[in-house]
C-alpha atoms as a PDB file:
ATOM      1  CA  MET A   1       1.430   7.615   4.130  1.00  0.00           C
ATOM      2  CA  ASN A   2       1.592   6.574   7.754  1.00  0.00           C
ATOM      3  CA  THR A   3       2.653   3.147   9.007  1.00  0.00           C
ATOM      4  CA  ILE A   4       5.053   0.297   8.446  1.00  0.00           C
ATOM      5  CA  THR A   5       2.939  -2.781   7.852  1.00  0.00           C
ATOM      6  CA  SER A   6       5.464  -5.602   8.008  1.00  0.00           C
ATOM      7  CA  LEU A   7       9.098  -6.326   8.786  1.00  0.00           C
ATOM      8  CA  PHE A   8      10.872  -9.585   8.032  1.00  0.00           C
ATOM      9  CA  ILE A   9      14.394 -10.247   9.395  1.00  0.00           C
ATOM     10  CA  LEU A  10      16.497 -12.781   7.488  1.00  0.00           C
ATOM     11  CA  SER A  11      19.958 -13.432   9.018  1.00  0.00           C
ATOM     12  CA  SER A  12      22.115 -10.320   8.424  1.00  0.00           C
ATOM     13  CA  LEU A  13      19.804  -8.924   5.730  1.00  0.00           C
ATOM     14  CA  VAL A  14      16.575  -7.159   6.582  1.00  0.00           C
ATOM     15  CA  THR A  15      13.721  -6.979   4.080  1.00  0.00           C
ATOM     16  CA  ALA A  16      10.836  -4.687   4.983  1.00  0.00           C
ATOM     17  CA  THR A  17       7.644  -4.037   3.097  1.00  0.00           C
ATOM     18  CA  VAL A  18       6.544  -0.503   3.913  1.00  0.00           C
ATOM     19  CA  ALA A  19       3.068   0.771   3.106  1.00  0.00           C
ATOM     20  CA  TYR A  20       1.999   4.394   3.250  1.00  0.00           C
ATOM     21  CA  ALA A  21      -1.736   4.380   2.490  1.00  0.00           C
ATOM     22  CA  GLU A  22      -1.720   2.820  -0.983  1.00  0.00           C
ATOM     23  CA  SER A  23       2.001   3.317  -1.621  1.00  0.00           C
ATOM     24  CA  LYS A  24       4.418   0.429  -1.271  1.00  0.00           C
ATOM     25  CA  ILE A  25       8.174   0.457  -0.814  1.00  0.00           C
ATOM     26  CA  ILE A  26      10.373  -2.627  -0.494  1.00  0.00           C
ATOM     27  CA  ASN A  27      13.651  -2.185   1.440  1.00  0.00           C
ATOM     28  CA  THR A  28      16.630  -4.497   1.908  1.00  0.00           C
ATOM     29  CA  GLU A  29      19.519  -3.708   4.256  1.00  0.00           C
ATOM     30  CA  ILE A  30      23.016  -4.576   3.029  1.00  0.00           C
ATOM     31  CA  THR A  31      25.905  -4.050   5.429  1.00  0.00           C
ATOM     32  CA  GLN A  32      29.287  -5.342   6.538  1.00  0.00           C
ATOM     33  CA  ALA A  33      28.702  -3.882   9.999  1.00  0.00           C
ATOM     34  CA  GLU A  34      27.336  -5.928  12.870  1.00  0.00           C
ATOM     35  CA  THR A  35      23.584  -5.520  13.290  1.00  0.00           C
ATOM     36  CA  ARG A  36      20.984  -6.607  15.844  1.00  0.00           C
ATOM     37  CA  THR A  37      17.219  -6.589  16.314  1.00  0.00           C
ATOM     38  CA  LYS A  38      16.062  -3.124  17.320  1.00  0.00           C
ATOM     39  CA  ASN A  39      15.541  -2.358  21.003  1.00  0.00           C
ATOM     40  CA  LYS A  40      12.098  -1.219  22.086  1.00  0.00           C
ATOM     41  CA  THR A  41      11.397   2.506  22.028  1.00  0.00           C
ATOM     42  CA  PRO A  42      11.124   4.334  25.377  1.00  0.00           C
ATOM     43  CA  ASP A  43       7.307   4.342  25.035  1.00  0.00           C
ATOM     44  CA  GLU A  44       7.229   0.592  24.384  1.00  0.00           C
ATOM     45  CA  GLU A  45       9.536  -0.055  27.363  1.00  0.00           C
ATOM     46  CA  THR A  46       7.292   2.015  29.619  1.00  0.00           C
ATOM     47  CA  GLU A  47       4.235   0.090  28.465  1.00  0.00           C
ATOM     48  CA  ALA A  48       6.089  -3.149  29.221  1.00  0.00           C
ATOM     49  CA  GLY A  49       6.945  -1.905  32.713  1.00  0.00           C
ATOM     50  CA  GLN A  50      10.674  -1.550  32.017  1.00  0.00           C
ATOM     51  CA  GLU A  51      12.986   1.435  32.346  1.00  0.00           C
ATOM     52  CA  SER A  52      14.828   2.895  29.370  1.00  0.00           C
ATOM     53  CA  ASN A  53      18.379   1.630  28.958  1.00  0.00           C
ATOM     54  CA  THR A  54      20.636   4.708  29.163  1.00  0.00           C
ATOM     55  CA  GLN A  55      23.843   3.213  30.562  1.00  0.00           C
ATOM     56  CA  HIS A  56      25.639   3.200  27.196  1.00  0.00           C
ATOM     57  CA  HIS A  57      24.677   6.731  26.153  1.00  0.00           C
ATOM     58  CA  TYR A  58      27.732   8.829  25.286  1.00  0.00           C
ATOM     59  CA  GLY A  59      26.196  12.042  23.984  1.00  0.00           C
ATOM     60  CA  GLU A  60      26.045  13.320  20.403  1.00  0.00           C
ATOM     61  CA  HIS A  61      29.473  12.021  19.391  1.00  0.00           C
ATOM     62  CA  SER A  62      28.367   9.900  16.468  1.00  0.00           C
ATOM     63  CA  TYR A  63      27.706  11.355  13.045  1.00  0.00           C
ATOM     64  CA  ILE A  64      27.179  10.582   9.373  1.00  0.00           C
ATOM     65  CA  TYR A  65      30.458  11.163   7.570  1.00  0.00           C
ATOM     66  CA  ASP A  66      29.121  10.653   4.049  1.00  0.00           C
ATOM     67  CA  ALA A  67      26.036   9.436   2.184  1.00  0.00           C
ATOM     68  CA  TRP A  68      25.217   8.763  -1.454  1.00  0.00           C
ATOM     69  CA  VAL A  69      22.514   7.316  -3.712  1.00  0.00           C
ATOM     70  CA  SER A  70      23.153   4.742  -6.448  1.00  0.00           C
ATOM     71  CA  ILE A  71      20.639   4.136  -9.231  1.00  0.00           C
ATOM     72  CA  GLU A  72      19.870   0.423  -9.674  1.00  0.00           C
ATOM     73  CA  ARG A  73      17.053  -0.014 -12.228  1.00  0.00           C
ATOM     74  CA  ASP A  74      15.589   2.142 -15.014  1.00  0.00           C
ATOM     75  CA  GLN A  75      13.731  -0.277 -17.294  1.00  0.00           C
ATOM     76  CA  ASP A  76      12.334   2.254 -19.755  1.00  0.00           C
ATOM     77  CA  TYR A  77      15.549   4.324 -19.947  1.00  0.00           C
ATOM     78  CA  ASP A  78      13.738   7.606 -19.337  1.00  0.00           C
ATOM     79  CA  GLY A  79      16.204   8.769 -16.678  1.00  0.00           C
ATOM     80  CA  TYR A  80      13.882   7.909 -13.750  1.00  0.00           C
ATOM     81  CA  ALA A  81      14.751   4.797 -11.745  1.00  0.00           C
ATOM     82  CA  SER A  82      12.388   2.549  -9.789  1.00  0.00           C
ATOM     83  CA  SER A  83      15.156   0.968  -7.711  1.00  0.00           C
ATOM     84  CA  PHE A  84      18.037   2.643  -5.863  1.00  0.00           C
ATOM     85  CA  THR A  85      20.458   2.172  -2.976  1.00  0.00           C
ATOM     86  CA  LEU A  86      21.083   4.739  -0.242  1.00  0.00           C
ATOM     87  CA  SER A  87      24.464   4.169   1.433  1.00  0.00           C
ATOM     88  CA  MET A  88      26.072   5.921   4.383  1.00  0.00           C
ATOM     89  CA  ASP A  89      29.292   5.894   6.368  1.00  0.00           C
ATOM     90  CA  ILE A  90      28.507   6.452  10.066  1.00  0.00           C
ATOM     91  CA  ASP A  91      31.399   7.333  12.371  1.00  0.00           C
ATOM     92  CA  SER A  92      31.824   7.791  16.118  1.00  0.00           C
ATOM     93  CA  TYR A  93      34.413   9.345  18.404  1.00  0.00           C
ATOM     94  CA  TYR A  94      34.066   6.219  20.510  1.00  0.00           C
ATOM     95  CA  SER A  95      35.468   2.797  19.712  1.00  0.00           C
ATOM     96  CA  SER A  96      32.029   1.197  19.534  1.00  0.00           C
ATOM     97  CA  ARG A  97      28.426   2.369  19.612  1.00  0.00           C
ATOM     98  CA  TRP A  98      24.996   1.068  18.621  1.00  0.00           C
ATOM     99  CA  VAL A  99      22.883   3.377  16.467  1.00  0.00           C
ATOM    100  CA  TYR A 100      20.019   3.196  13.971  1.00  0.00           C
ATOM    101  CA  VAL A 101      18.700   5.425  11.203  1.00  0.00           C
ATOM    102  CA  LYS A 102      15.353   6.594   9.865  1.00  0.00           C
ATOM    103  CA  LEU A 103      15.296   7.263   6.130  1.00  0.00           C
ATOM    104  CA  SER A 104      12.873   9.774   4.623  1.00  0.00           C
ATOM    105  CA  ILE A 105      12.023  10.862   1.085  1.00  0.00           C
ATOM    106  CA  SER A 106      10.509  14.082  -0.293  1.00  0.00           C
ATOM    107  CA  ASP A 107       9.504  15.468  -3.669  1.00  0.00           C
ATOM    108  CA  ASP A 108       9.343  19.108  -2.522  1.00  0.00           C
ATOM    109  CA  LEU A 109      12.065  19.472   0.182  1.00  0.00           C
ATOM    110  CA  TYR A 110       9.377  20.344   2.755  1.00  0.00           C
ATOM    111  CA  HIS A 111       7.249  17.272   3.363  1.00  0.00           C
ATOM    112  CA  TYR A 112       9.319  14.187   4.170  1.00  0.00           C
ATOM    113  CA  GLN A 113       7.896  10.671   4.488  1.00  0.00           C
ATOM    114  CA  THR A 114       9.764   8.076   6.536  1.00  0.00           C
ATOM    115  CA  TYR A 115      10.136   4.959   4.404  1.00  0.00           C
ATOM    116  CA  HIS A 116      12.535   2.833   6.454  1.00  0.00           C
ATOM    117  CA  VAL A 117      13.678   2.400  10.066  1.00  0.00           C
ATOM    118  CA  SER A 118      16.843   0.326  10.193  1.00  0.00           C
ATOM    119  CA  SER A 119      17.924  -2.424  12.526  1.00  0.00           C
ATOM    120  CA  ASP A 120      20.533  -1.440  15.122  1.00  0.00           C
ATOM    121  CA  ILE A 121      23.982  -0.889  13.625  1.00  0.00           C
ATOM    122  CA  ARG A 122      27.264  -1.213  15.496  1.00  0.00           C
ATOM    123  CA  VAL A 123      29.584   1.690  14.600  1.00  0.00           C
ATOM    124  CA  GLU A 124      33.319   1.108  15.040  1.00  0.00           C
ATOM    125  CA  GLY A 125      34.998   4.512  15.450  1.00  0.00           C
ATOM    126  CA  ASP A 126      35.829   6.069  12.083  1.00  0.00           C
ATOM    127  CA  SER A 127      36.185   2.769  10.228  1.00  0.00           C
ATOM    128  CA  THR A 128      35.331   2.794   6.516  1.00  0.00           C
ATOM    129  CA  SER A 129      34.517  -0.932   6.497  1.00  0.00           C
ATOM    130  CA  ASP A 130      31.109  -0.516   8.162  1.00  0.00           C
ATOM    131  CA  VAL A 131      29.240   1.235   5.350  1.00  0.00           C
ATOM    132  CA  PHE A 132      25.510   0.685   5.765  1.00  0.00           C
ATOM    133  CA  SER A 133      23.217   0.502   2.708  1.00  0.00           C
ATOM    134  CA  VAL A 134      19.497   0.135   2.094  1.00  0.00           C
ATOM    135  CA  GLU A 135      18.361  -1.044  -1.330  1.00  0.00           C
ATOM    136  CA  THR A 136      14.880   0.237  -2.130  1.00  0.00           C
ATOM    137  CA  GLU A 137      12.341  -0.608  -4.818  1.00  0.00           C
ATOM    138  CA  LEU A 138       9.459   1.826  -5.316  1.00  0.00           C
ATOM    139  CA  ALA A 139       6.572  -0.525  -5.975  1.00  0.00           C
ATOM    140  CA  ALA A 140       3.722   1.951  -6.438  1.00  0.00           C
ATOM    141  CA  ASP A 141       2.430   5.531  -6.198  1.00  0.00           C
ATOM    142  CA  PHE A 142       5.631   7.472  -6.864  1.00  0.00           C
ATOM    143  CA  PRO A 143       5.183   9.484 -10.081  1.00  0.00           C
ATOM    144  CA  PRO A 144       8.297  10.549 -12.023  1.00  0.00           C
ATOM    145  CA  SER A 145       9.972  13.354 -10.090  1.00  0.00           C
ATOM    146  CA  ASP A 146      13.239  14.521  -8.531  1.00  0.00           C
ATOM    147  CA  TYR A 147      13.249  13.221  -4.950  1.00  0.00           C
ATOM    148  CA  SER A 148      15.463  14.221  -2.026  1.00  0.00           C
ATOM    149  CA  PHE A 149      16.462  12.305   1.097  1.00  0.00           C
ATOM    150  CA  ALA A 150      16.982  12.908   4.806  1.00  0.00           C
ATOM    151  CA  ILE A 151      18.674  10.596   7.324  1.00  0.00           C
ATOM    152  CA  GLU A 152      17.958  10.758  11.057  1.00  0.00           C
ATOM    153  CA  LEU A 153      20.627   9.145  13.242  1.00  0.00           C
ATOM    154  CA  TYR A 154      19.577   7.815  16.671  1.00  0.00           C
ATOM    155  CA  ASP A 155      21.286   6.265  19.664  1.00  0.00           C
ATOM    156  CA  ALA A 156      20.045   2.660  19.713  1.00  0.00           C
ATOM    157  CA  ASN A 157      19.912   2.415  23.513  1.00  0.00           C
ATOM    158  CA  THR A 158      18.252   5.731  24.411  1.00  0.00           C
ATOM    159  CA  HIS A 159      16.544   6.472  21.066  1.00  0.00           C
ATOM    160  CA  ARG A 160      17.867  10.006  21.306  1.00  0.00           C
ATOM    161  CA  LEU A 161      18.211  11.893  18.027  1.00  0.00           C
ATOM    162  CA  LEU A 162      21.912  12.472  17.320  1.00  0.00           C
ATOM    163  CA  GLU A 163      21.889  14.094  13.879  1.00  0.00           C
ATOM    164  CA  VAL A 164      19.742  14.969  10.875  1.00  0.00           C
ATOM    165  CA  TYR A 165      21.694  14.637   7.621  1.00  0.00           C
ATOM    166  CA  ASP A 166      20.020  15.807   4.414  1.00  0.00           C
ATOM    167  CA  SER A 167      20.574  17.564   1.093  1.00  0.00           C
ATOM    168  CA  ASP A 168      21.778  20.699   2.913  1.00  0.00           C
ATOM    169  CA  ASP A 169      24.733  18.623   4.115  1.00  0.00           C
ATOM    170  CA  ASP A 170      25.296  16.534   0.997  1.00  0.00           C
ATOM    171  CA  SER A 171      24.215  17.321  -2.574  1.00  0.00           C
ATOM    172  CA  ASP A 172      24.203  13.567  -3.356  1.00  0.00           C
ATOM    173  CA  LEU A 173      20.872  13.409  -1.496  1.00  0.00           C
ATOM    174  CA  LEU A 174      19.303  16.165  -3.606  1.00  0.00           C
ATOM    175  CA  TYR A 175      17.084  15.762  -6.683  1.00  0.00           C
ATOM    176  CA  VAL A 176      17.439  12.054  -7.439  1.00  0.00           C
ATOM    177  CA  PRO A 177      15.236  11.152 -10.478  1.00  0.00           C
ATOM    178  CA  LEU A 178      12.907   8.335  -9.406  1.00  0.00           C
ATOM    179  CA  GLU A 179       9.574   6.726 -10.240  1.00  0.00           C
ATOM    180  CA  SER A 180       7.707   3.639  -9.043  1.00  0.00           C
ATOM    181  CA  ARG A 181       7.377   0.445 -11.045  1.00  0.00           C
ATOM    182  CA  GLU A 182       4.068   1.236 -12.721  1.00  0.00           C
ATOM    183  CA  TYR A 183       5.761   4.194 -14.432  1.00  0.00           C
ATOM    184  CA  ASP A 184       9.009   2.318 -15.159  1.00  0.00           C
ATOM    185  CA  LYS A 185       7.856  -0.090 -17.842  1.00  0.00           C
ATOM    186  CA  GLY A 186      10.205  -1.060 -20.613  1.00  0.00           C
ATOM    187  CA  GLN A 187       8.718  -1.725 -24.037  1.00  0.00           C
ATOM    188  CA  SER A 188       8.564  -5.345 -25.182  1.00  0.00           C
ATOM    189  CA  THR A 189       9.641  -5.894 -28.764  1.00  0.00           C
ATOM    190  CA  VAL A 190       9.488  -8.924 -31.025  1.00  0.00           C
ATOM    191  CA  SER A 191      12.325  -9.385 -33.461  1.00  0.00           C
ATOM    192  CA  ILE A 192      11.870 -11.564 -36.542  1.00  0.00           C
ATOM    193  CA  GLU A 193      15.091 -12.534 -38.205  1.00  0.00           C
ATOM    194  CA  ALA A 194      14.874 -13.362 -41.897  1.00  0.00           C
ATOM    195  CA  HIS A 195      17.709 -15.371 -43.376  1.00  0.00           C
ATOM    196  CA  GLY A 196      18.669 -15.118 -47.030  1.00  0.00           C
ATOM    197  CA  GLY A 197      19.849 -18.023 -49.139  1.00  0.00           C
ATOM    198  CA  SER A 198      17.905 -20.586 -51.103  1.00  0.00           C
ATOM    199  CA  MET A 199      16.396 -22.463 -48.127  1.00  0.00           C
ATOM    200  CA  GLY A 200      15.048 -19.303 -46.516  1.00  0.00           C
ATOM    201  CA  LEU A 201      13.522 -18.016 -49.744  1.00  0.00           C
ATOM    202  CA  ALA A 202      12.081 -21.449 -50.591  1.00  0.00           C
ATOM    203  CA  PHE A 203      10.388 -21.658 -47.160  1.00  0.00           C
ATOM    204  CA  ILE A 204       8.818 -18.209 -47.578  1.00  0.00           C
ATOM    205  CA  ALA A 205       7.554 -19.207 -51.015  1.00  0.00           C
ATOM    206  CA  VAL A 206       5.972 -22.400 -49.643  1.00  0.00           C
ATOM    207  CA  VAL A 207       4.206 -20.505 -46.820  1.00  0.00           C
ATOM    208  CA  ALA A 208       2.883 -17.924 -49.278  1.00  0.00           C
ATOM    209  CA  GLY A 209       1.631 -20.715 -51.583  1.00  0.00           C
ATOM    210  CA  VAL A 210      -0.213 -22.483 -48.756  1.00  0.00           C
ATOM    211  CA  ARG A 211      -1.975 -19.258 -47.735  1.00  0.00           C
ATOM    212  CA  LEU A 212      -3.078 -18.558 -51.321  1.00  0.00           C
ATOM    213  CA  PHE A 213      -4.359 -22.145 -51.655  1.00  0.00           C
ATOM    214  CA  ARG A 214      -6.456 -21.816 -48.478  1.00  0.00           C
ATOM    215  CA  ARG A 215      -7.920 -18.482 -49.562  1.00  0.00           C
ATOM    216  CA  TYR A 216      -8.851 -19.967 -52.959  1.00  0.00           C
ATOM    217  CA  HIS A 217     -10.706 -22.924 -51.381  1.00  0.00           C
ATOM    218  CA  LYS A 218     -12.541 -20.676 -48.877  1.00  0.00           C
ATOM    219  CA  LYS A 219     -13.936 -18.604 -51.717  1.00  0.00           C
ATOM    220  CA  HIS A 220     -14.979 -21.676 -53.728  1.00  0.00           C
END
């Protein structure tokens, strides 16, 4: 599981298809905060012959105040969901700051796989109206298990790591029961409703008579 294969930006929502080898994850950003297209990383800026933008760097004075996971879809009702939303409230000691997050998932608390890198998010002090959420659908290659999450918070201008927030900081990110879509298949059932009364019984009798008549003629 290595690279992000495609990223599509649609107005204020961002939908990204992420592929790690044969695994696929579909992410959609949902936020009331102001967002923008991500700045280039320091390596990309160097390759383009530009210097890193550090004029708005204020130090490690932004942090994740809270984070939680909401289960969205469990089609077979086995307790393991194929769709979920990871939400977070990011605060800053400053009135305004641009940041972004990297989201990672693990099934053993040791090996984490990055599954989404967000667009840049504008954080307004300690406001509670700028909650940032990423809705995720596990499309393939995630067997039923209890997964845990880690969030890396970065300064959007310098790309400096500000904080790592994981299950050690918040139990809501620990042991979330998940599975990908090929394991989350609800059973299809067909329901035949039989009505009583004279018309219903008469119809059944006619159908039975026709079948007996056909069988008789096939034999003779």
